[in-house]
Amino acid sequence: MQLKDYDTSRRYLATVKQTTRITPEDSEEVRELILQVEDSGFFFDVGQSIGVLVPGPHDFGHAYHFRLYSIAGICKTPGNPCIDICVKRVNYMDEYSGEMYPGIASHYLCNLQVGDRIHITGPYELPFQMPSEHDANLLMIGMGTGIAPFRAFVQHIYDTLGGWQGKIRLFYGARTGLESIYMNDARDDFANYYDQHTFQAFKAVSPRPHWDEPAALDAALAQHQQEIWQLLLQTKTYVFIAGHESIKVMLDKTFATMAGSQQQWAKHKAVLIKQKRWLELMYW
C-alpha cells in the first residue's frame, strides 16, 4: 500500500506536550514527541500508526506533505488521548546533483516546540497484530526507528496486560552505539523490563560504522541461534521485523544457517507467513 492510497480525510488537531532528544548530542538526532489529540473520541492501540500532515505549499501543488509514524508508546495522562512517536531527523542526497535536502516531515517534527499544534490522521493498522494468547512468544527484530512499535508492544505487555508467560526476545541493530534508540546512555526504556523473566533485549552494534548495513545484527542472532530456532519451531511464536529493506537478505541467510539449508528455511518461512506469524514492516 502506497502513501497516496491512505485515507487522510479524517483529520485531528494535536498539541505537542513534550519533545525530547533521545540520542546523544554527538550522534544522529532522534526525538520522541508526545502529542495530545484534541478530540476525546480519538481511539488508537498498539501496533498502529498515525499520519502527519506537514502544511505547504509543497512541490507539485500539494497543500500537505503526508508521512506515517508508528506509535511508539501510549501515555497515561489525564484528559484527551496522548501518543508517543519517534522521529529521526533525516537528510537526502540528490543522486544526480549530490546536493543534500532536508526531509520535509522529519525536520518539521523535530523543529516543533511544546505548545505547537499539528494535523494528524489515522490511526492506521500496521502489519503487527498483538497475539491474543498470553503464552505466545514474540521474536522482534528492529533497526533504526523500526524499534518504535516494539517499544509500544513491550510497554503494553508488561505495564498494561501483565502476567505474560511467553518469551519476548528483542534484537536491535545499529551502525554505532550512539545511534541506538531507546537503548543508549541517554535513554534506555527497555531497562525497565530487564527484571521480567520472560524478556530479553540484545543490542547489536556494527563493527563497520560507516557501512549502511548493521552487520552485527546477524552475529547477535547467530550467537543465540539455538534458542531462536527452538522458538521458531513452536506454533505459538510470532516474528515481527521492522527496518530497512536491506536487512531481508541478511536475515534469510542467517535463518537458513539455523535451519540447515536455504531450502529448509524457505519451507519453514512459508509456513510462518501462511499462518500470519511472520510479519514485516520495511522501508527503503
Protein backbone atom coordinates (compact mmCIF):
# COMPACT_ATOMS: atom_id res chain seq x y z
CA MET A 1 0.00 0.00 0.00
CA GLN A 2 1.46 3.36 -1.04
CA LEU A 3 1.11 6.64 0.88
CA LYS A 4 -1.23 8.04 -1.76
CA ASP A 5 -3.66 5.21 -1.02
CA TYR A 6 -4.22 6.18 2.62
CA ASP A 7 -7.42 7.98 3.55
CA THR A 8 -6.45 11.35 5.09
CA SER A 9 -9.92 12.90 5.07
CA ARG A 10 -10.45 12.45 8.84
CA ARG A 11 -8.08 14.90 10.49
CA TYR A 12 -7.37 15.80 14.09
CA LEU A 13 -5.51 18.61 15.78
CA ALA A 14 -2.79 17.56 18.20
CA THR A 15 -0.69 19.66 20.57
CA VAL A 16 2.97 18.97 21.28
CA LYS A 17 3.16 18.27 25.02
CA GLN A 18 6.78 17.22 25.05
CA THR A 19 9.70 16.94 22.62
CA THR A 20 12.84 15.18 23.84
CA ARG A 21 16.05 14.19 22.11
CA ILE A 22 16.63 10.51 22.94
CA THR A 23 20.04 10.11 21.29
CA PRO A 24 23.29 11.71 22.48
CA GLU A 25 24.30 15.09 21.04
CA ASP A 26 27.23 13.62 19.09
CA SER A 27 25.02 11.24 17.10
CA GLU A 28 22.16 11.42 14.64
CA GLU A 29 19.21 13.29 16.11
CA VAL A 30 16.21 11.21 17.10
CA ARG A 31 13.40 12.78 19.10
CA GLU A 32 10.43 11.46 21.00
CA LEU A 33 7.33 13.62 20.60
CA ILE A 34 4.37 13.32 22.93
CA LEU A 35 1.23 14.54 21.18
CA GLN A 36 -2.13 15.20 22.85
CA VAL A 37 -5.00 14.78 20.43
CA GLU A 38 -7.66 17.47 20.78
CA ASP A 39 -10.53 15.01 20.40
CA SER A 40 -11.61 12.71 23.23
CA GLY A 41 -13.11 10.34 20.66
CA PHE A 42 -9.77 9.60 19.01
CA PHE A 43 -9.04 5.92 19.73
CA PHE A 44 -5.84 4.06 18.97
CA ASP A 45 -3.99 0.95 20.04
CA VAL A 46 -0.51 -0.54 19.99
CA GLY A 47 0.56 -1.82 16.59
CA GLN A 48 -0.97 1.17 14.80
CA SER A 49 0.47 4.28 13.18
CA ILE A 50 -0.65 7.86 12.64
CA GLY A 51 -0.24 10.14 9.67
CA VAL A 52 1.34 13.58 9.98
CA LEU A 53 0.30 16.36 7.59
CA VAL A 54 3.01 18.96 7.01
CA PRO A 55 1.42 22.21 5.78
CA GLY A 56 2.58 23.55 2.41
CA PRO A 57 2.62 24.69 -0.23
CA HIS A 58 4.83 21.87 -1.46
CA ASP A 59 6.13 20.74 -4.83
CA PHE A 60 3.51 19.78 -7.42
CA GLY A 61 0.95 21.99 -5.68
CA HIS A 62 0.35 19.70 -2.70
CA ALA A 63 -1.27 21.51 0.22
CA TYR A 64 0.07 18.93 2.70
CA HIS A 65 3.04 16.56 2.82
CA PHE A 66 1.93 13.22 4.30
CA ARG A 67 4.08 10.76 6.25
CA LEU A 68 3.37 7.78 8.53
CA TYR A 69 4.84 7.26 12.00
CA SER A 70 4.46 4.18 14.17
CA ILE A 71 3.03 4.68 17.63
CA ALA A 72 5.98 4.19 19.99
CA GLY A 73 4.01 4.32 23.23
CA ILE A 74 0.73 5.18 24.87
CA CYS A 75 0.82 7.90 27.53
CA LYS A 76 -1.16 7.53 30.72
CA THR A 77 -2.15 11.14 31.27
CA PRO A 78 -5.45 12.78 32.24
CA GLY A 79 -7.51 14.46 29.57
CA ASN A 80 -7.55 13.77 25.85
CA PRO A 81 -5.59 10.88 24.31
CA CYS A 82 -1.79 11.16 24.22
CA ILE A 83 0.59 9.24 21.96
CA ASP A 84 4.34 8.94 21.50
CA ILE A 85 6.08 8.95 18.14
CA CYS A 86 9.77 8.52 17.37
CA VAL A 87 11.25 10.81 14.69
CA LYS A 88 14.73 10.77 13.17
CA ARG A 89 15.94 13.98 11.52
CA VAL A 90 16.94 12.86 8.05
CA ASN A 91 18.55 14.43 5.00
CA TYR A 92 18.51 13.08 1.47
CA MET A 93 21.18 13.35 -1.21
CA ASP A 94 20.15 14.04 -4.79
CA GLU A 95 21.72 11.18 -6.74
CA TYR A 96 22.36 13.43 -9.75
CA SER A 97 23.50 16.74 -8.23
CA GLY A 98 24.96 15.40 -5.00
CA GLU A 99 23.12 18.12 -3.04
CA MET A 100 21.65 17.41 0.36
CA TYR A 101 18.00 18.17 1.07
CA PRO A 102 16.21 18.08 4.43
CA GLY A 103 13.47 15.51 4.95
CA ILE A 104 10.27 17.54 4.95
CA ALA A 105 8.33 15.70 7.64
CA SER A 106 11.27 14.81 9.89
CA HIS A 107 12.64 18.36 10.04
CA TYR A 108 9.14 19.76 10.55
CA LEU A 109 8.52 17.47 13.51
CA CYS A 110 12.00 17.77 15.04
CA ASN A 111 11.71 21.58 14.94
CA LEU A 112 8.39 21.70 16.76
CA GLN A 113 8.21 23.30 20.19
CA VAL A 114 6.00 22.50 23.18
CA GLY A 115 2.58 24.03 22.58
CA ASP A 116 2.73 23.84 18.78
CA ARG A 117 -0.30 22.31 17.09
CA ILE A 118 -0.23 19.94 14.11
CA HIS A 119 -2.69 17.99 11.99
CA ILE A 120 -2.65 14.20 12.20
CA THR A 121 -4.74 11.48 10.55
CA GLY A 122 -5.49 7.85 11.28
CA PRO A 123 -4.89 5.74 13.14
CA TYR A 124 -3.85 3.15 10.57
CA GLU A 125 -3.18 -0.54 11.02
CA LEU A 126 0.37 -1.87 10.90
CA PRO A 127 1.13 -5.46 9.91
CA PHE A 128 1.92 -6.31 13.54
CA GLN A 129 -1.00 -7.74 15.49
CA MET A 130 -0.66 -8.47 19.19
CA PRO A 131 -1.32 -12.20 19.79
CA SER A 132 -4.34 -12.81 21.99
CA GLU A 133 -2.67 -15.70 23.84
CA HIS A 134 -0.52 -14.61 26.79
CA ASP A 135 1.74 -17.63 26.31
CA ALA A 136 2.69 -16.61 22.77
CA ASN A 137 6.37 -15.96 22.02
CA LEU A 138 7.45 -12.76 20.25
CA LEU A 139 10.71 -12.53 18.33
CA MET A 140 11.13 -8.86 17.41
CA ILE A 141 13.96 -7.71 15.14
CA GLY A 142 14.33 -3.99 14.53
CA MET A 143 16.72 -1.48 13.03
CA GLY A 144 16.76 2.30 13.42
CA THR A 145 13.38 3.84 14.20
CA GLY A 146 11.89 0.43 13.36
CA ILE A 147 12.21 -0.26 17.08
CA ALA A 148 9.41 2.23 17.86
CA PRO A 149 6.41 -0.14 17.55
CA PHE A 150 8.29 -2.79 19.53
CA ARG A 151 8.74 -0.36 22.41
CA ALA A 152 4.95 0.09 22.44
CA PHE A 153 4.45 -3.69 22.42
CA VAL A 154 6.80 -4.25 25.36
CA GLN A 155 5.16 -1.45 27.36
CA HIS A 156 1.71 -2.85 26.65
CA ILE A 157 2.66 -6.43 27.52
CA TYR A 158 4.22 -5.65 30.90
CA ASP A 159 2.62 -2.38 32.01
CA THR A 160 -0.95 -2.94 30.80
CA LEU A 161 -1.58 -6.65 30.30
CA GLY A 162 0.74 -8.22 32.87
CA GLY A 163 1.10 -11.94 33.52
CA TRP A 164 2.70 -12.64 30.13
CA GLN A 165 4.03 -16.21 30.02
CA GLY A 166 5.53 -16.36 26.53
CA LYS A 167 9.11 -15.38 25.75
CA ILE A 168 9.79 -11.86 24.45
CA ARG A 169 13.09 -11.53 22.58
CA LEU A 170 14.14 -8.20 21.05
CA PHE A 171 17.13 -7.82 18.71
CA TYR A 172 18.05 -4.28 17.74
CA GLY A 173 20.69 -3.36 15.15
CA ALA A 174 22.52 -0.05 14.75
CA ARG A 175 25.64 1.14 12.96
CA THR A 176 27.04 2.70 16.14
CA GLY A 177 26.13 2.62 19.81
CA LEU A 178 25.25 6.31 19.59
CA GLU A 179 22.53 5.53 17.04
CA SER A 180 20.76 3.09 19.34
CA ILE A 181 17.24 4.27 20.10
CA TYR A 182 15.64 3.57 23.49
CA MET A 183 18.78 1.52 24.24
CA ASN A 184 21.57 4.06 24.79
CA ASP A 185 23.20 6.06 27.61
CA ALA A 186 20.76 8.94 27.14
CA ARG A 187 17.64 6.77 27.13
CA ASP A 188 17.20 3.07 27.92
CA ASP A 189 13.47 2.46 28.20
CA PHE A 190 13.91 -1.30 27.90
CA ALA A 191 15.91 -1.35 31.15
CA ASN A 192 12.54 -1.07 32.90
CA TYR A 193 11.77 -4.64 31.85
CA TYR A 194 15.12 -6.40 32.27
CA ASP A 195 13.91 -7.94 35.53
CA GLN A 196 10.99 -9.63 33.76
CA HIS A 197 11.87 -13.32 33.49
CA THR A 198 10.22 -13.55 30.04
CA PHE A 199 12.00 -10.54 28.48
CA GLN A 200 15.47 -10.17 27.00
CA ALA A 201 16.85 -7.46 24.70
CA PHE A 202 20.04 -7.60 22.66
CA LYS A 203 21.75 -4.59 21.08
CA ALA A 204 23.86 -5.32 18.00
CA VAL A 205 26.32 -2.59 17.00
CA SER A 206 28.11 -2.90 13.69
CA PRO A 207 31.93 -3.14 13.75
CA ARG A 208 31.81 -1.18 10.48
CA PRO A 209 30.02 2.05 11.48
CA HIS A 210 30.33 3.65 8.03
CA TRP A 211 28.51 0.83 6.27
CA ASP A 212 24.77 1.01 5.74
CA GLU A 213 24.03 -2.50 6.95
CA PRO A 214 24.25 -3.19 10.70
CA ALA A 215 26.20 -6.41 10.13
CA ALA A 216 26.40 -7.20 13.85
CA LEU A 217 22.67 -7.99 13.85
CA ASP A 218 23.30 -11.32 12.14
CA ALA A 219 26.10 -12.07 14.60
CA ALA A 220 23.78 -11.37 17.54
CA LEU A 221 21.14 -13.68 16.10
CA ALA A 222 23.74 -16.37 15.41
CA GLN A 223 25.00 -16.13 18.99
CA HIS A 224 21.53 -17.09 20.22
CA GLN A 225 20.63 -19.38 17.34
CA GLN A 226 19.78 -22.42 19.46
CA GLU A 227 17.07 -20.61 21.43
CA ILE A 228 15.84 -18.70 18.38
CA TRP A 229 15.45 -21.83 16.28
CA GLN A 230 13.62 -23.61 19.08
CA LEU A 231 11.26 -20.64 19.26
CA LEU A 232 10.71 -20.68 15.50
CA LEU A 233 9.72 -24.33 15.66
CA GLN A 234 6.93 -23.59 18.13
CA THR A 235 3.47 -22.91 16.72
CA LYS A 236 2.87 -20.10 19.22
CA THR A 237 5.85 -17.99 18.09
CA TYR A 238 5.38 -14.77 16.11
CA VAL A 239 8.18 -12.95 14.27
CA PHE A 240 7.98 -9.16 13.86
CA ILE A 241 10.60 -7.43 11.71
CA ALA A 242 10.95 -3.68 11.13
CA GLY A 243 13.72 -1.77 9.41
CA HIS A 244 15.43 -1.08 6.12
CA GLU A 245 14.71 -3.37 3.18
CA SER A 246 18.43 -4.22 3.00
CA ILE A 247 18.30 -6.50 6.06
CA LYS A 248 15.99 -9.06 4.42
CA VAL A 249 18.78 -10.87 2.57
CA MET A 250 20.93 -10.97 5.69
CA LEU A 251 18.07 -12.34 7.81
CA ASP A 252 17.23 -15.08 5.30
CA LYS A 253 20.89 -16.11 5.19
CA THR A 254 21.11 -16.18 8.99
CA PHE A 255 17.91 -18.19 9.42
CA ALA A 256 18.90 -20.58 6.61
CA THR A 257 22.04 -21.42 8.59
CA MET A 258 19.87 -22.20 11.61
CA ALA A 259 17.54 -24.36 9.52
CA GLY A 260 20.37 -26.30 7.90
CA SER A 261 19.79 -25.14 4.33
CA GLN A 262 18.15 -22.41 2.26
CA GLN A 263 15.51 -24.89 1.11
CA GLN A 264 14.56 -25.87 4.64
CA TRP A 265 14.36 -22.23 5.71
CA ALA A 266 12.26 -21.24 2.68
CA LYS A 267 9.84 -24.05 3.52
CA HIS A 268 9.56 -23.09 7.19
CA LYS A 269 9.28 -19.37 6.44
CA ALA A 270 6.44 -20.08 4.00
CA VAL A 271 4.55 -21.79 6.84
CA LEU A 272 5.11 -18.82 9.16
CA ILE A 273 3.87 -16.41 6.50
CA LYS A 274 0.82 -18.55 5.70
CA GLN A 275 -0.11 -18.71 9.37
CA LYS A 276 0.45 -14.94 9.68
CA ARG A 277 3.21 -15.45 12.22
CA TRP A 278 5.93 -13.76 10.10
CA LEU A 279 5.17 -10.04 9.73
CA GLU A 280 7.34 -7.29 8.24
CA LEU A 281 7.38 -3.52 8.12
CA MET A 282 10.12 -2.48 5.69
CA TYR A 283 11.18 0.86 4.28
CA TRP A 284 13.65 1.87 1.58
